[in-house]
Amino acid sequence: MTMTANGRPAFVVNVEVFLRRDGRWLLIRRGDGESHAPGTLAGVGGKAEPDGAGQRVLEETARREVAEEIGVDLTGVPLTYASSGFFVTDDGDPVVNVVFAAPMPPHAEPVAAAPAEVAGFVWLTTAQAEADPACPPWVLSSLRDAATA
């Protein structure tokens, strides 16, 4: 376990957003060069950054990551807390993961704005995601939480 300078456990804080439109969820395909779960499906998201941490750090991180990864502005879009969890990345980092659900803005069209991180994306129902072998169990769990938020 990584420790802070004062001997407390240190964690990466990750935020994941599941965007819905017309009964389907946007899932990204993680880039092949990603250190954790390359090539798999996931919600849009990433790590909280110390230099961008404000009073609403989780929401700010969610909006920033969606803009950076798929080019969609979520300003004014309500983010609904869905769940949180803990995992260890493939390269050993302990992560606290926070999941949000949100509607995709009506006229927004996602693009793979960060191709190293986002190789592409798909729109799937929850049932379609459950049947897709590229959708890991932990993503399905988060997606189910988002669907009931």
Protein backbone atom coordinates (compact mmCIF):
# COMPACT_ATOMS: atom_id res chain seq x y z
CA MET A 1 0.00 0.00 0.00
CA THR A 2 1.22 3.47 -0.85
CA MET A 3 1.51 5.73 2.16
CA THR A 4 1.50 9.51 2.60
CA ALA A 5 4.49 11.28 4.13
CA ASN A 6 2.67 11.03 7.48
CA GLY A 7 2.18 7.27 7.20
CA ARG A 8 -1.49 7.27 6.19
CA PRO A 9 -2.79 5.15 3.31
CA ALA A 10 -2.77 7.04 -0.01
CA PHE A 11 -5.29 6.37 -2.75
CA VAL A 12 -5.89 7.54 -6.29
CA VAL A 13 -9.37 9.06 -6.57
CA ASN A 14 -11.03 8.17 -9.87
CA VAL A 15 -14.35 9.46 -11.16
CA GLU A 16 -16.38 7.55 -13.74
CA VAL A 17 -19.40 8.96 -15.59
CA PHE A 18 -22.04 6.92 -17.38
CA LEU A 19 -23.92 9.06 -19.87
CA ARG A 20 -27.36 7.99 -21.07
CA ARG A 21 -29.42 8.85 -24.12
CA ASP A 22 -32.57 7.15 -25.42
CA GLY A 23 -32.24 4.15 -23.11
CA ARG A 24 -28.60 3.50 -23.97
CA TRP A 25 -25.35 4.18 -22.16
CA LEU A 26 -22.17 5.57 -23.69
CA LEU A 27 -19.20 3.30 -22.97
CA ILE A 28 -15.69 4.09 -24.12
CA ARG A 29 -13.23 1.50 -25.36
CA ARG A 30 -10.02 2.10 -23.40
CA GLY A 31 -6.91 2.68 -25.48
CA ASP A 32 -4.56 -0.25 -26.00
CA GLY A 33 -1.75 1.71 -24.33
CA GLU A 34 -3.62 2.24 -21.07
CA SER A 35 -1.84 0.67 -18.08
CA HIS A 36 -5.10 -0.55 -16.52
CA ALA A 37 -7.63 -2.69 -18.44
CA PRO A 38 -6.55 -1.72 -21.98
CA GLY A 39 -9.05 -2.44 -24.75
CA THR A 40 -11.98 -2.95 -22.39
CA LEU A 41 -15.20 -0.95 -22.14
CA ALA A 42 -15.64 1.61 -19.35
CA GLY A 43 -17.46 4.74 -18.36
CA VAL A 44 -15.83 8.06 -19.19
CA GLY A 45 -13.53 9.18 -16.43
CA GLY A 46 -10.21 9.69 -14.83
CA LYS A 47 -8.28 10.79 -11.80
CA ALA A 48 -8.83 13.81 -9.59
CA GLU A 49 -5.90 16.18 -9.90
CA PRO A 50 -4.54 18.18 -6.94
CA ASP A 51 -4.15 21.39 -8.94
CA GLY A 52 -7.79 21.30 -10.02
CA ALA A 53 -9.33 20.34 -6.70
CA GLY A 54 -12.05 22.72 -5.55
CA GLN A 55 -15.01 22.47 -3.23
CA ARG A 56 -16.78 20.05 -5.63
CA VAL A 57 -13.72 18.08 -6.71
CA LEU A 58 -15.60 14.95 -7.78
CA GLU A 59 -18.08 16.84 -9.96
CA GLU A 60 -15.32 19.04 -11.38
CA THR A 61 -13.26 15.95 -12.21
CA ALA A 62 -16.27 14.31 -13.89
CA ARG A 63 -16.93 17.33 -16.10
CA ARG A 64 -13.23 17.83 -16.93
CA GLU A 65 -12.69 14.18 -17.87
CA VAL A 66 -15.80 14.04 -20.08
CA ALA A 67 -14.64 17.19 -21.89
CA GLU A 68 -11.06 15.89 -22.27
CA GLU A 69 -11.92 12.35 -23.35
CA ILE A 70 -15.03 12.72 -25.52
CA GLY A 71 -15.29 16.48 -26.14
CA VAL A 72 -18.68 16.94 -24.43
CA ASP A 73 -19.41 19.94 -22.21
CA LEU A 74 -21.43 18.94 -19.13
CA THR A 75 -21.76 22.47 -17.75
CA GLY A 76 -25.18 22.68 -16.14
CA VAL A 77 -25.89 18.97 -16.65
CA PRO A 78 -26.96 17.29 -13.38
CA LEU A 79 -24.62 14.57 -12.16
CA THR A 80 -26.27 11.92 -10.01
CA TYR A 81 -24.13 10.00 -7.55
CA ALA A 82 -24.50 6.27 -8.25
CA SER A 83 -21.92 4.45 -6.14
CA SER A 84 -18.34 4.17 -4.99
CA GLY A 85 -15.89 1.33 -4.73
CA PHE A 86 -12.30 0.32 -4.32
CA PHE A 87 -9.95 -1.55 -6.64
CA VAL A 88 -6.26 -2.00 -7.35
CA THR A 89 -5.07 -1.21 -10.87
CA ASP A 90 -3.17 -3.70 -13.00
CA ASP A 91 0.01 -1.79 -12.10
CA GLY A 92 -0.69 -1.77 -8.34
CA ASP A 93 -2.29 1.60 -7.51
CA PRO A 94 -5.06 1.53 -4.87
CA VAL A 95 -8.06 3.42 -6.26
CA VAL A 96 -11.25 4.83 -4.77
CA ASN A 97 -13.71 4.94 -7.69
CA VAL A 98 -16.76 7.25 -7.63
CA VAL A 99 -19.52 6.65 -10.17
CA PHE A 100 -21.95 9.25 -11.53
CA ALA A 101 -24.84 8.98 -13.98
CA ALA A 102 -25.87 11.86 -16.22
CA PRO A 103 -27.95 12.52 -19.29
CA MET A 104 -26.00 13.18 -22.48
CA PRO A 105 -26.80 16.75 -23.54
CA PRO A 106 -29.39 16.56 -26.37
CA HIS A 107 -27.25 17.90 -29.21
CA ALA A 108 -23.84 16.72 -27.99
CA GLU A 109 -21.97 14.25 -30.18
CA PRO A 110 -19.06 12.48 -28.50
CA VAL A 111 -15.73 12.14 -30.27
CA ALA A 112 -12.58 10.28 -29.25
CA ALA A 113 -10.88 13.54 -28.22
CA ALA A 114 -8.06 11.72 -26.39
CA PRO A 115 -7.29 8.78 -28.73
CA ALA A 116 -4.51 7.40 -26.50
CA GLU A 117 -7.09 6.98 -23.73
CA VAL A 118 -10.25 6.46 -25.79
CA ALA A 119 -9.95 4.14 -28.79
CA GLY A 120 -13.66 4.54 -29.55
CA PHE A 121 -17.07 4.25 -27.97
CA VAL A 122 -20.37 2.41 -28.22
CA TRP A 123 -23.96 3.06 -27.15
CA LEU A 124 -25.36 0.01 -25.36
CA THR A 125 -28.33 -0.91 -23.22
CA THR A 126 -27.49 -2.48 -19.89
CA ALA A 127 -28.45 -5.89 -21.31
CA GLN A 128 -26.17 -5.41 -24.33
CA ALA A 129 -23.28 -4.41 -22.06
CA GLU A 130 -23.89 -7.53 -19.95
CA ALA A 131 -23.55 -9.66 -23.10
CA ASP A 132 -20.41 -7.89 -24.38
CA PRO A 133 -17.19 -9.79 -23.51
CA ALA A 134 -15.23 -6.51 -23.60
CA CYS A 135 -17.24 -5.18 -20.64
CA PRO A 136 -15.50 -6.24 -17.39
CA PRO A 137 -17.56 -7.25 -14.34
CA TRP A 138 -16.53 -4.16 -12.37
CA VAL A 139 -17.77 -1.89 -15.18
CA LEU A 140 -21.04 -3.81 -15.33
CA SER A 141 -21.47 -3.32 -11.60
CA SER A 142 -20.90 0.44 -11.93
CA LEU A 143 -23.21 0.62 -14.95
CA ARG A 144 -25.98 -1.19 -13.04
CA ASP A 145 -25.52 1.32 -10.20
CA ALA A 146 -25.74 4.20 -12.68
CA ALA A 147 -28.89 2.71 -14.22
CA THR A 148 -30.64 2.70 -10.84
CA ALA A 149 -29.37 6.09 -9.63
